[in-house]
Amino acid sequence: MRTLTLALLALAMMAGGCSSKVEYGDAQARETVTADFGSTDLQEIAGKMVDDLLSFDPVMKMTREQRPVVFVDRINNKTTEHIDTEAVTDSIQTRLIQSGKFRFVEPSKREQVRRELNYQNESGEVNPETATRMGNKIGADLMMYGNLAGITKRDDNTKDVYYKFTLKLLNLETGIIEWASEKEIRKTRSRSLFGL
């Protein structure tokens, strides 16, 4: 009985001695935990798209005198993974706004804006002199949209993943694609002979 008690006590001490540790890391550091889509892929795609767009000569001419208004449509996820493509477009949109070259409308918030404007203009609770007037929204000049495609191949020891992100800028008035760019990423994960 005493041996069992000592064994249980030793086991409890070992279990209590196991602890986890959380540390902050560099959000820009290369992430290589798996071959799946990750933070490094998002950052590389956003950086490439913004750099390509801002250095494209016709876009540079277009934004020299004005700041075109853009709305971002969904990015189609054509991979087999669940990927938050909105996070990619959020990064691209943020960088483009910070460049001072583009302005964006927010289609996903139209209903909330409409409710607030109705409240301000029709509830009788808001001073009409301070209420935001309806009918003064600025229409978008351009639509940004794209696709994220992926091909995964594997055998017993290797997983090879290929991603292709395509982004386009469509002139809403003319129907002309004013700009397009692609970013390709290939990642390979190899399993060692001993499963490590």
N, C-alpha and C. Protein backbone atom coordinates (compact mmCIF):
# COMPACT_ATOMS: atom_id res chain seq x y z
N MET A 1 0.83 -1.18 0.00
CA MET A 1 0.00 0.00 0.00
C MET A 1 0.88 1.26 0.00
N ARG A 2 1.95 1.19 0.79
CA ARG A 2 2.84 2.33 0.88
C ARG A 2 3.52 2.58 -0.46
N THR A 3 3.89 1.55 -1.21
CA THR A 3 4.51 1.68 -2.52
C THR A 3 3.55 2.34 -3.49
N LEU A 4 2.27 1.96 -3.43
CA LEU A 4 1.24 2.55 -4.29
C LEU A 4 1.06 4.04 -3.98
N THR A 5 1.05 4.39 -2.70
CA THR A 5 0.90 5.79 -2.29
C THR A 5 2.07 6.63 -2.79
N LEU A 6 3.30 6.09 -2.63
CA LEU A 6 4.48 6.80 -3.11
C LEU A 6 4.45 6.96 -4.62
N ALA A 7 4.01 5.93 -5.31
CA ALA A 7 3.93 6.00 -6.78
C ALA A 7 2.92 7.05 -7.21
N LEU A 8 1.76 7.09 -6.56
CA LEU A 8 0.74 8.09 -6.90
C LEU A 8 1.23 9.51 -6.58
N LEU A 9 1.93 9.64 -5.44
CA LEU A 9 2.48 10.94 -5.07
C LEU A 9 3.52 11.41 -6.10
N ALA A 10 4.38 10.51 -6.53
CA ALA A 10 5.40 10.85 -7.53
C ALA A 10 4.75 11.23 -8.86
N LEU A 11 3.69 10.51 -9.24
CA LEU A 11 2.96 10.81 -10.47
C LEU A 11 2.29 12.19 -10.38
N ALA A 12 1.71 12.50 -9.23
CA ALA A 12 1.06 13.79 -9.03
C ALA A 12 2.09 14.92 -9.10
N MET A 13 3.27 14.70 -8.54
CA MET A 13 4.30 15.72 -8.58
C MET A 13 4.80 15.94 -10.00
N MET A 14 4.93 14.86 -10.77
CA MET A 14 5.37 15.00 -12.16
C MET A 14 4.31 15.73 -12.98
N ALA A 15 3.06 15.40 -12.77
CA ALA A 15 1.98 16.06 -13.51
C ALA A 15 1.91 17.53 -13.13
N GLY A 16 2.08 17.84 -11.87
CA GLY A 16 2.06 19.23 -11.41
C GLY A 16 3.27 20.00 -11.87
N GLY A 17 4.36 19.30 -12.13
CA GLY A 17 5.58 19.95 -12.57
C GLY A 17 5.55 20.32 -14.04
N CYS A 18 4.62 19.71 -14.82
CA CYS A 18 4.50 20.06 -16.23
C CYS A 18 3.80 21.40 -16.33
N SER A 19 4.38 22.29 -17.05
CA SER A 19 3.74 23.59 -17.20
C SER A 19 3.88 24.03 -18.65
N SER A 20 3.02 24.93 -19.03
CA SER A 20 3.13 25.49 -20.37
C SER A 20 3.73 26.88 -20.26
N LYS A 21 4.29 27.31 -21.36
CA LYS A 21 4.95 28.61 -21.37
C LYS A 21 4.45 29.38 -22.59
N VAL A 22 4.04 30.60 -22.39
CA VAL A 22 3.58 31.44 -23.49
C VAL A 22 4.55 32.60 -23.63
N GLU A 23 4.99 32.81 -24.86
CA GLU A 23 5.91 33.90 -25.14
C GLU A 23 5.41 34.67 -26.35
N TYR A 24 5.70 35.96 -26.38
CA TYR A 24 5.42 36.76 -27.56
C TYR A 24 6.51 36.51 -28.59
N GLY A 25 6.11 36.45 -29.84
CA GLY A 25 7.08 36.29 -30.91
C GLY A 25 6.97 37.46 -31.88
N ASP A 26 7.83 37.47 -32.85
CA ASP A 26 7.82 38.49 -33.89
C ASP A 26 6.73 38.15 -34.89
N ALA A 27 5.71 39.01 -35.01
CA ALA A 27 4.58 38.76 -35.91
C ALA A 27 5.03 38.71 -37.37
N GLN A 28 6.19 39.28 -37.67
CA GLN A 28 6.69 39.28 -39.05
C GLN A 28 7.64 38.11 -39.32
N ALA A 29 7.97 37.32 -38.29
CA ALA A 29 8.90 36.21 -38.46
C ALA A 29 8.28 35.14 -39.35
N ARG A 30 9.14 34.43 -40.08
CA ARG A 30 8.67 33.37 -40.97
C ARG A 30 8.10 32.24 -40.14
N GLU A 31 6.87 31.86 -40.47
CA GLU A 31 6.14 30.82 -39.73
C GLU A 31 6.22 29.53 -40.54
N THR A 32 6.74 28.46 -39.92
CA THR A 32 6.94 27.20 -40.64
C THR A 32 6.44 26.00 -39.86
N VAL A 33 5.34 26.16 -39.15
CA VAL A 33 4.84 25.06 -38.32
C VAL A 33 4.28 23.94 -39.19
N THR A 34 3.50 24.31 -40.22
CA THR A 34 2.93 23.33 -41.14
C THR A 34 3.06 23.85 -42.57
N ALA A 35 2.66 23.04 -43.54
CA ALA A 35 2.65 23.48 -44.93
C ALA A 35 1.35 24.17 -45.29
N ASP A 36 0.41 24.24 -44.34
CA ASP A 36 -0.86 24.90 -44.60
C ASP A 36 -0.68 26.42 -44.68
N PHE A 37 -1.70 27.10 -45.20
CA PHE A 37 -1.67 28.56 -45.34
C PHE A 37 -1.48 29.18 -43.97
N GLY A 38 -0.55 30.12 -43.86
CA GLY A 38 -0.24 30.71 -42.56
C GLY A 38 0.02 32.20 -42.65
N SER A 39 0.47 32.77 -41.54
CA SER A 39 0.66 34.21 -41.44
C SER A 39 1.72 34.73 -42.42
N THR A 40 2.77 33.97 -42.65
CA THR A 40 3.80 34.39 -43.59
C THR A 40 3.23 34.50 -44.99
N ASP A 41 2.38 33.55 -45.36
CA ASP A 41 1.76 33.57 -46.69
C ASP A 41 0.89 34.81 -46.84
N LEU A 42 0.10 35.11 -45.81
CA LEU A 42 -0.76 36.30 -45.83
C LEU A 42 0.08 37.56 -46.01
N GLN A 43 1.15 37.68 -45.24
CA GLN A 43 2.00 38.87 -45.30
C GLN A 43 2.69 39.00 -46.66
N GLU A 44 3.15 37.89 -47.22
CA GLU A 44 3.83 37.93 -48.51
C GLU A 44 2.85 38.32 -49.61
N ILE A 45 1.64 37.77 -49.56
CA ILE A 45 0.63 38.10 -50.58
C ILE A 45 0.26 39.58 -50.49
N ALA A 46 -0.05 40.05 -49.31
CA ALA A 46 -0.45 41.46 -49.14
C ALA A 46 0.67 42.39 -49.59
N GLY A 47 1.89 42.11 -49.19
CA GLY A 47 3.03 42.95 -49.58
C GLY A 47 3.23 42.99 -51.08
N LYS A 48 3.16 41.84 -51.73
CA LYS A 48 3.36 41.78 -53.19
C LYS A 48 2.26 42.52 -53.91
N MET A 49 0.99 42.33 -53.50
CA MET A 49 -0.12 42.99 -54.19
C MET A 49 -0.02 44.51 -54.07
N VAL A 50 0.26 45.00 -52.88
CA VAL A 50 0.35 46.44 -52.67
C VAL A 50 1.53 47.03 -53.44
N ASP A 51 2.69 46.38 -53.37
CA ASP A 51 3.87 46.87 -54.09
C ASP A 51 3.61 46.90 -55.59
N ASP A 52 3.00 45.83 -56.14
CA ASP A 52 2.72 45.77 -57.57
C ASP A 52 1.73 46.86 -57.98
N LEU A 53 0.68 47.04 -57.19
CA LEU A 53 -0.35 48.02 -57.54
C LEU A 53 0.22 49.44 -57.51
N LEU A 54 0.94 49.78 -56.45
CA LEU A 54 1.43 51.14 -56.30
C LEU A 54 2.56 51.48 -57.27
N SER A 55 3.22 50.47 -57.84
CA SER A 55 4.32 50.73 -58.77
C SER A 55 3.89 50.56 -60.23
N PHE A 56 2.63 50.20 -60.48
CA PHE A 56 2.14 50.02 -61.85
C PHE A 56 1.90 51.39 -62.47
N ASP A 57 2.57 51.67 -63.59
CA ASP A 57 2.58 53.02 -64.16
C ASP A 57 1.18 53.60 -64.40
N PRO A 58 0.24 52.89 -65.02
CA PRO A 58 -1.10 53.48 -65.21
C PRO A 58 -1.80 53.81 -63.88
N VAL A 59 -1.58 53.00 -62.85
CA VAL A 59 -2.17 53.29 -61.54
C VAL A 59 -1.48 54.50 -60.91
N MET A 60 -0.17 54.61 -61.10
CA MET A 60 0.55 55.77 -60.58
C MET A 60 0.00 57.05 -61.22
N LYS A 61 -0.28 57.01 -62.53
CA LYS A 61 -0.86 58.17 -63.22
C LYS A 61 -2.27 58.45 -62.71
N MET A 62 -3.05 57.39 -62.52
CA MET A 62 -4.43 57.52 -62.07
C MET A 62 -4.51 58.16 -60.69
N THR A 63 -3.56 57.83 -59.82
CA THR A 63 -3.62 58.31 -58.44
C THR A 63 -2.80 59.59 -58.21
N ARG A 64 -2.20 60.11 -59.27
CA ARG A 64 -1.39 61.32 -59.12
C ARG A 64 -2.28 62.53 -58.79
N GLU A 65 -3.43 62.63 -59.42
CA GLU A 65 -4.31 63.78 -59.26
C GLU A 65 -5.51 63.53 -58.36
N GLN A 66 -5.86 62.27 -58.15
CA GLN A 66 -7.06 61.94 -57.36
C GLN A 66 -6.82 60.68 -56.55
N ARG A 67 -7.72 60.45 -55.61
CA ARG A 67 -7.69 59.21 -54.81
C ARG A 67 -8.93 58.40 -55.19
N PRO A 68 -8.80 57.43 -56.12
CA PRO A 68 -9.96 56.66 -56.54
C PRO A 68 -10.62 55.94 -55.35
N VAL A 69 -11.93 55.76 -55.47
CA VAL A 69 -12.70 55.06 -54.44
C VAL A 69 -12.87 53.61 -54.89
N VAL A 70 -12.55 52.69 -53.98
CA VAL A 70 -12.55 51.27 -54.30
C VAL A 70 -13.50 50.53 -53.36
N PHE A 71 -14.18 49.52 -53.88
CA PHE A 71 -14.85 48.58 -52.97
C PHE A 71 -14.25 47.22 -53.21
N VAL A 72 -14.10 46.47 -52.13
CA VAL A 72 -13.45 45.16 -52.17
C VAL A 72 -14.53 44.09 -52.13
N ASP A 73 -14.55 43.27 -53.18
CA ASP A 73 -15.44 42.12 -53.22
C ASP A 73 -14.73 40.95 -52.54
N ARG A 74 -15.48 39.91 -52.27
CA ARG A 74 -14.89 38.74 -51.62
C ARG A 74 -13.81 38.10 -52.49
N ILE A 75 -12.81 37.56 -51.85
CA ILE A 75 -11.81 36.74 -52.53
C ILE A 75 -12.32 35.30 -52.50
N ASN A 76 -12.46 34.69 -53.66
CA ASN A 76 -12.94 33.31 -53.73
C ASN A 76 -11.84 32.36 -53.25
N ASN A 77 -12.16 31.56 -52.26
CA ASN A 77 -11.22 30.57 -51.75
C ASN A 77 -11.47 29.26 -52.50
N LYS A 78 -10.59 28.95 -53.43
CA LYS A 78 -10.73 27.73 -54.23
C LYS A 78 -9.80 26.63 -53.75
N THR A 79 -9.29 26.78 -52.53
CA THR A 79 -8.45 25.74 -51.94
C THR A 79 -9.33 24.76 -51.17
N THR A 80 -8.73 23.71 -50.68
CA THR A 80 -9.46 22.75 -49.83
C THR A 80 -9.36 23.12 -48.36
N GLU A 81 -8.61 24.19 -48.06
CA GLU A 81 -8.45 24.64 -46.67
C GLU A 81 -9.47 25.72 -46.32
N HIS A 82 -9.76 25.83 -45.04
CA HIS A 82 -10.56 26.96 -44.57
C HIS A 82 -9.59 28.12 -44.34
N ILE A 83 -9.61 29.09 -45.25
CA ILE A 83 -8.69 30.23 -45.18
C ILE A 83 -9.51 31.51 -45.08
N ASP A 84 -9.16 32.35 -44.14
CA ASP A 84 -9.85 33.62 -43.95
C ASP A 84 -9.32 34.62 -44.98
N THR A 85 -9.93 34.62 -46.17
CA THR A 85 -9.45 35.50 -47.23
C THR A 85 -9.73 36.97 -46.90
N GLU A 86 -10.67 37.24 -46.01
CA GLU A 86 -10.93 38.61 -45.61
C GLU A 86 -9.72 39.20 -44.88
N ALA A 87 -8.99 38.36 -44.17
CA ALA A 87 -7.78 38.84 -43.49
C ALA A 87 -6.75 39.32 -44.51
N VAL A 88 -6.68 38.64 -45.67
CA VAL A 88 -5.76 39.05 -46.72
C VAL A 88 -6.18 40.41 -47.29
N THR A 89 -7.47 40.54 -47.63
CA THR A 89 -7.92 41.81 -48.21
C THR A 89 -7.88 42.94 -47.18
N ASP A 90 -8.10 42.62 -45.91
CA ASP A 90 -7.97 43.65 -44.87
C ASP A 90 -6.55 44.22 -44.85
N SER A 91 -5.54 43.34 -44.95
CA SER A 91 -4.15 43.80 -44.95
C SER A 91 -3.85 44.65 -46.18
N ILE A 92 -4.34 44.21 -47.33
CA ILE A 92 -4.13 44.97 -48.57
C ILE A 92 -4.81 46.33 -48.47
N GLN A 93 -6.07 46.34 -48.04
CA GLN A 93 -6.82 47.58 -47.93
C GLN A 93 -6.15 48.55 -46.96
N THR A 94 -5.72 48.05 -45.82
CA THR A 94 -5.07 48.91 -44.83
C THR A 94 -3.81 49.56 -45.39
N ARG A 95 -3.00 48.78 -46.08
CA ARG A 95 -1.76 49.33 -46.65
C ARG A 95 -2.06 50.36 -47.74
N LEU A 96 -3.09 50.10 -48.54
CA LEU A 96 -3.44 51.05 -49.61
C LEU A 96 -4.00 52.34 -49.04
N ILE A 97 -4.80 52.25 -47.99
CA ILE A 97 -5.30 53.47 -47.35
C ILE A 97 -4.13 54.26 -46.77
N GLN A 98 -3.21 53.57 -46.11
CA GLN A 98 -2.06 54.25 -45.51
C GLN A 98 -1.13 54.86 -46.55
N SER A 99 -1.19 54.37 -47.79
CA SER A 99 -0.37 54.95 -48.86
C SER A 99 -0.87 56.34 -49.25
N GLY A 100 -2.14 56.64 -48.90
CA GLY A 100 -2.72 57.92 -49.27
C GLY A 100 -3.17 58.00 -50.71
N LYS A 101 -3.16 56.87 -51.44
CA LYS A 101 -3.49 56.87 -52.87
C LYS A 101 -4.93 56.45 -53.15
N PHE A 102 -5.56 55.73 -52.23
CA PHE A 102 -6.89 55.17 -52.47
C PHE A 102 -7.80 55.43 -51.28
N ARG A 103 -9.10 55.47 -51.57
CA ARG A 103 -10.14 55.50 -50.54
C ARG A 103 -11.02 54.28 -50.78
N PHE A 104 -11.67 53.82 -49.72
CA PHE A 104 -12.49 52.61 -49.82
C PHE A 104 -13.88 52.84 -49.25
N VAL A 105 -14.87 52.24 -49.90
CA VAL A 105 -16.21 52.17 -49.32
C VAL A 105 -16.32 50.81 -48.64
N GLU A 106 -17.27 50.69 -47.72
CA GLU A 106 -17.39 49.47 -46.92
C GLU A 106 -18.77 48.84 -47.15
N PRO A 107 -18.91 47.99 -48.18
CA PRO A 107 -20.22 47.39 -48.47
C PRO A 107 -20.78 46.56 -47.33
N SER A 108 -19.92 45.95 -46.53
CA SER A 108 -20.41 45.06 -45.47
C SER A 108 -21.09 45.82 -44.34
N LYS A 109 -20.93 47.14 -44.30
CA LYS A 109 -21.52 47.94 -43.22
C LYS A 109 -22.70 48.80 -43.69
N ARG A 110 -23.16 48.57 -44.91
CA ARG A 110 -24.23 49.42 -45.45
C ARG A 110 -25.50 49.38 -44.60
N GLU A 111 -25.88 48.20 -44.16
CA GLU A 111 -27.13 48.09 -43.39
C GLU A 111 -27.00 48.82 -42.05
N GLN A 112 -25.86 48.69 -41.38
CA GLN A 112 -25.65 49.39 -40.12
C GLN A 112 -25.66 50.91 -40.34
N VAL A 113 -25.04 51.37 -41.42
CA VAL A 113 -25.01 52.80 -41.72
C VAL A 113 -26.43 53.29 -42.01
N ARG A 114 -27.17 52.50 -42.79
CA ARG A 114 -28.55 52.88 -43.11
C ARG A 114 -29.40 53.02 -41.84
N ARG A 115 -29.24 52.09 -40.92
CA ARG A 115 -29.99 52.17 -39.65
C ARG A 115 -29.64 53.43 -38.88
N GLU A 116 -28.34 53.76 -38.82
CA GLU A 116 -27.91 54.95 -38.09
C GLU A 116 -28.44 56.21 -38.76
N LEU A 117 -28.37 56.29 -40.08
CA LEU A 117 -28.88 57.47 -40.79
C LEU A 117 -30.40 57.61 -40.61
N ASN A 118 -31.11 56.49 -40.67
CA ASN A 118 -32.56 56.55 -40.43
C ASN A 118 -32.84 57.07 -39.02
N TYR A 119 -32.07 56.59 -38.05
CA TYR A 119 -32.25 57.06 -36.68
C TYR A 119 -32.00 58.58 -36.60
N GLN A 120 -30.89 59.03 -37.17
CA GLN A 120 -30.56 60.45 -37.09
C GLN A 120 -31.59 61.33 -37.79
N ASN A 121 -32.12 60.86 -38.94
CA ASN A 121 -32.98 61.71 -39.76
C ASN A 121 -34.48 61.51 -39.53
N GLU A 122 -34.88 60.39 -38.91
CA GLU A 122 -36.31 60.11 -38.81
C GLU A 122 -36.82 59.90 -37.40
N SER A 123 -35.93 59.75 -36.43
CA SER A 123 -36.40 59.43 -35.07
C SER A 123 -36.95 60.64 -34.34
N GLY A 124 -36.55 61.82 -34.76
CA GLY A 124 -36.94 63.02 -34.03
C GLY A 124 -36.12 63.23 -32.77
N GLU A 125 -35.14 62.37 -32.52
CA GLU A 125 -34.31 62.47 -31.32
C GLU A 125 -32.99 63.19 -31.56
N VAL A 126 -32.64 63.44 -32.82
CA VAL A 126 -31.35 64.05 -33.15
C VAL A 126 -31.61 65.44 -33.73
N ASN A 127 -30.85 66.40 -33.27
CA ASN A 127 -30.95 67.77 -33.78
C ASN A 127 -30.72 67.75 -35.29
N PRO A 128 -31.67 68.21 -36.10
CA PRO A 128 -31.53 68.18 -37.56
C PRO A 128 -30.28 68.89 -38.06
N GLU A 129 -29.81 69.89 -37.33
CA GLU A 129 -28.60 70.62 -37.75
C GLU A 129 -27.34 69.78 -37.62
N THR A 130 -27.37 68.77 -36.74
CA THR A 130 -26.18 67.93 -36.54
C THR A 130 -26.33 66.56 -37.19
N ALA A 131 -27.51 66.22 -37.68
CA ALA A 131 -27.73 64.91 -38.30
C ALA A 131 -26.97 64.80 -39.62
N THR A 132 -26.39 63.65 -39.86
CA THR A 132 -25.72 63.39 -41.14
C THR A 132 -26.79 63.21 -42.21
N ARG A 133 -26.66 63.96 -43.28
CA ARG A 133 -27.68 63.91 -44.32
C ARG A 133 -27.56 62.64 -45.14
N MET A 134 -28.70 62.15 -45.58
CA MET A 134 -28.74 60.97 -46.45
C MET A 134 -28.53 61.42 -47.89
N GLY A 135 -28.07 60.48 -48.72
CA GLY A 135 -27.93 60.75 -50.15
C GLY A 135 -26.64 61.41 -50.55
N ASN A 136 -25.64 61.42 -49.67
CA ASN A 136 -24.37 62.06 -50.01
C ASN A 136 -23.20 61.09 -50.09
N LYS A 137 -23.51 59.80 -50.12
CA LYS A 137 -22.43 58.81 -50.21
C LYS A 137 -21.70 58.93 -51.55
N ILE A 138 -20.44 58.63 -51.54
CA ILE A 138 -19.63 58.66 -52.76
C ILE A 138 -19.60 57.24 -53.33
N GLY A 139 -19.87 57.13 -54.61
CA GLY A 139 -19.86 55.83 -55.27
C GLY A 139 -18.44 55.38 -55.57
N ALA A 140 -18.26 54.08 -55.64
CA ALA A 140 -16.94 53.51 -55.94
C ALA A 140 -16.61 53.67 -57.42
N ASP A 141 -15.33 53.90 -57.70
CA ASP A 141 -14.82 53.96 -59.07
C ASP A 141 -14.33 52.59 -59.53
N LEU A 142 -13.78 51.84 -58.57
CA LEU A 142 -13.10 50.58 -58.88
C LEU A 142 -13.57 49.47 -57.96
N MET A 143 -13.51 48.24 -58.47
CA MET A 143 -13.81 47.06 -57.65
C MET A 143 -12.57 46.18 -57.62
N MET A 144 -12.19 45.77 -56.42
CA MET A 144 -11.06 44.87 -56.23
C MET A 144 -11.62 43.48 -55.92
N TYR A 145 -11.14 42.47 -56.63
CA TYR A 145 -11.64 41.11 -56.42
C TYR A 145 -10.57 40.12 -56.84
N GLY A 146 -10.75 38.86 -56.48
CA GLY A 146 -9.74 37.88 -56.85
C GLY A 146 -10.05 36.48 -56.40
N ASN A 147 -9.04 35.63 -56.54
CA ASN A 147 -9.15 34.21 -56.22
C ASN A 147 -7.91 33.73 -55.50
N LEU A 148 -8.10 32.77 -54.62
CA LEU A 148 -7.00 32.04 -54.00
C LEU A 148 -7.19 30.58 -54.36
N ALA A 149 -6.28 30.06 -55.18
CA ALA A 149 -6.35 28.66 -55.61
C ALA A 149 -5.25 27.87 -54.95
N GLY A 150 -5.44 26.57 -54.82
CA GLY A 150 -4.43 25.73 -54.20
C GLY A 150 -4.43 24.34 -54.77
N ILE A 151 -3.25 23.76 -54.84
CA ILE A 151 -3.09 22.37 -55.25
C ILE A 151 -2.23 21.69 -54.20
N THR A 152 -2.71 20.58 -53.67
CA THR A 152 -1.96 19.82 -52.67
C THR A 152 -1.68 18.43 -53.20
N LYS A 153 -0.43 18.01 -53.12
CA LYS A 153 -0.04 16.65 -53.50
C LYS A 153 0.74 16.06 -52.35
N ARG A 154 0.56 14.78 -52.16
CA ARG A 154 1.26 14.13 -51.05
C ARG A 154 1.55 12.68 -51.39
N ASP A 155 2.59 12.18 -50.75
CA ASP A 155 2.85 10.74 -50.72
C ASP A 155 3.11 10.38 -49.27
N ASP A 156 3.68 9.22 -49.01
CA ASP A 156 3.85 8.77 -47.63
C ASP A 156 4.72 9.71 -46.80
N ASN A 157 5.70 10.36 -47.42
CA ASN A 157 6.66 11.15 -46.66
C ASN A 157 6.65 12.65 -46.96
N THR A 158 5.95 13.07 -48.00
CA THR A 158 6.03 14.47 -48.42
C THR A 158 4.64 15.04 -48.69
N LYS A 159 4.47 16.29 -48.29
CA LYS A 159 3.26 17.05 -48.64
C LYS A 159 3.72 18.30 -49.36
N ASP A 160 3.24 18.50 -50.59
CA ASP A 160 3.61 19.66 -51.39
C ASP A 160 2.35 20.49 -51.60
N VAL A 161 2.41 21.78 -51.22
CA VAL A 161 1.25 22.67 -51.34
C VAL A 161 1.64 23.85 -52.21
N TYR A 162 0.80 24.14 -53.19
CA TYR A 162 1.00 25.27 -54.10
C TYR A 162 -0.21 26.19 -53.97
N TYR A 163 0.04 27.49 -53.77
CA TYR A 163 -1.02 28.49 -53.71
C TYR A 163 -0.79 29.51 -54.82
N LYS A 164 -1.88 29.97 -55.41
CA LYS A 164 -1.80 31.09 -56.35
C LYS A 164 -2.89 32.08 -56.00
N PHE A 165 -2.46 33.29 -55.64
CA PHE A 165 -3.38 34.37 -55.29
C PHE A 165 -3.41 35.34 -56.46
N THR A 166 -4.60 35.62 -56.97
CA THR A 166 -4.78 36.56 -58.07
C THR A 166 -5.67 37.70 -57.60
N LEU A 167 -5.28 38.92 -57.89
CA LEU A 167 -6.07 40.10 -57.51
C LEU A 167 -6.21 40.99 -58.73
N LYS A 168 -7.44 41.54 -58.91
CA LYS A 168 -7.72 42.40 -60.07
C LYS A 168 -8.42 43.67 -59.61
N LEU A 169 -8.26 44.72 -60.42
CA LEU A 169 -8.90 46.01 -60.17
C LEU A 169 -9.72 46.35 -61.41
N LEU A 170 -11.04 46.39 -61.24
CA LEU A 170 -11.97 46.59 -62.34
C LEU A 170 -12.54 48.00 -62.31
N ASN A 171 -12.48 48.69 -63.45
CA ASN A 171 -13.09 50.01 -63.59
C ASN A 171 -14.60 49.81 -63.72
N LEU A 172 -15.38 50.30 -62.76
CA LEU A 172 -16.82 50.04 -62.75
C LEU A 172 -17.55 50.75 -63.89
N GLU A 173 -17.01 51.86 -64.35
CA GLU A 173 -17.68 52.59 -65.42
C GLU A 173 -17.44 51.95 -66.78
N THR A 174 -16.20 51.55 -67.03
CA THR A 174 -15.85 51.03 -68.36
C THR A 174 -15.88 49.51 -68.44
N GLY A 175 -15.81 48.83 -67.30
CA GLY A 175 -15.73 47.37 -67.32
C GLY A 175 -14.35 46.85 -67.66
N ILE A 176 -13.36 47.72 -67.70
CA ILE A 176 -11.98 47.36 -68.05
C ILE A 176 -11.23 46.96 -66.78
N ILE A 177 -10.48 45.87 -66.87
CA ILE A 177 -9.58 45.50 -65.78
C ILE A 177 -8.35 46.40 -65.90
N GLU A 178 -8.19 47.28 -64.92
CA GLU A 178 -7.11 48.27 -64.96
C GLU A 178 -5.77 47.71 -64.50
N TRP A 179 -5.83 46.67 -63.67
CA TRP A 179 -4.60 46.11 -63.08
C TRP A 179 -4.89 44.70 -62.60
N ALA A 180 -3.89 43.84 -62.66
CA ALA A 180 -3.98 42.49 -62.11
C ALA A 180 -2.59 42.05 -61.70
N SER A 181 -2.55 41.21 -60.68
CA SER A 181 -1.26 40.67 -60.24
C SER A 181 -1.49 39.29 -59.61
N GLU A 182 -0.42 38.52 -59.56
CA GLU A 182 -0.48 37.18 -58.97
C GLU A 182 0.70 36.99 -58.03
N LYS A 183 0.47 36.16 -57.03
CA LYS A 183 1.55 35.74 -56.13
C LYS A 183 1.46 34.24 -55.99
N GLU A 184 2.55 33.55 -56.28
CA GLU A 184 2.61 32.09 -56.15
C GLU A 184 3.45 31.73 -54.94
N ILE A 185 3.01 30.71 -54.23
CA ILE A 185 3.73 30.21 -53.06
C ILE A 185 3.74 28.69 -53.14
N ARG A 186 4.91 28.09 -52.92
CA ARG A 186 5.01 26.64 -52.86
C ARG A 186 5.69 26.26 -51.55
N LYS A 187 5.08 25.31 -50.84
CA LYS A 187 5.64 24.85 -49.57
C LYS A 187 5.66 23.32 -49.58
N THR A 188 6.74 22.77 -49.06
CA THR A 188 6.88 21.32 -48.98
C THR A 188 7.22 20.91 -47.56
N ARG A 189 6.48 19.95 -47.05
CA ARG A 189 6.77 19.41 -45.74
C ARG A 189 7.22 17.96 -45.93
N SER A 190 8.40 17.63 -45.41
CA SER A 190 8.92 16.27 -45.50
C SER A 190 8.95 15.66 -44.13
N ARG A 191 8.54 14.41 -44.06
CA ARG A 191 8.59 13.69 -42.80
C ARG A 191 9.86 12.86 -42.76
N SER A 192 10.55 12.88 -41.62
CA SER A 192 11.80 12.12 -41.53
C SER A 192 11.48 10.64 -41.42
N LEU A 193 12.53 9.86 -41.62
CA LEU A 193 12.37 8.39 -41.59
C LEU A 193 11.85 7.91 -40.26
N PHE A 194 12.12 8.64 -39.18
CA PHE A 194 11.72 8.21 -37.84
C PHE A 194 10.47 8.93 -37.37
N GLY A 195 9.79 9.66 -38.25
CA GLY A 195 8.54 10.34 -37.89
C GLY A 195 8.72 11.58 -37.08
N LEU A 196 9.92 12.15 -37.04
CA LEU A 196 10.17 13.37 -36.27
C LEU A 196 9.89 14.58 -37.10
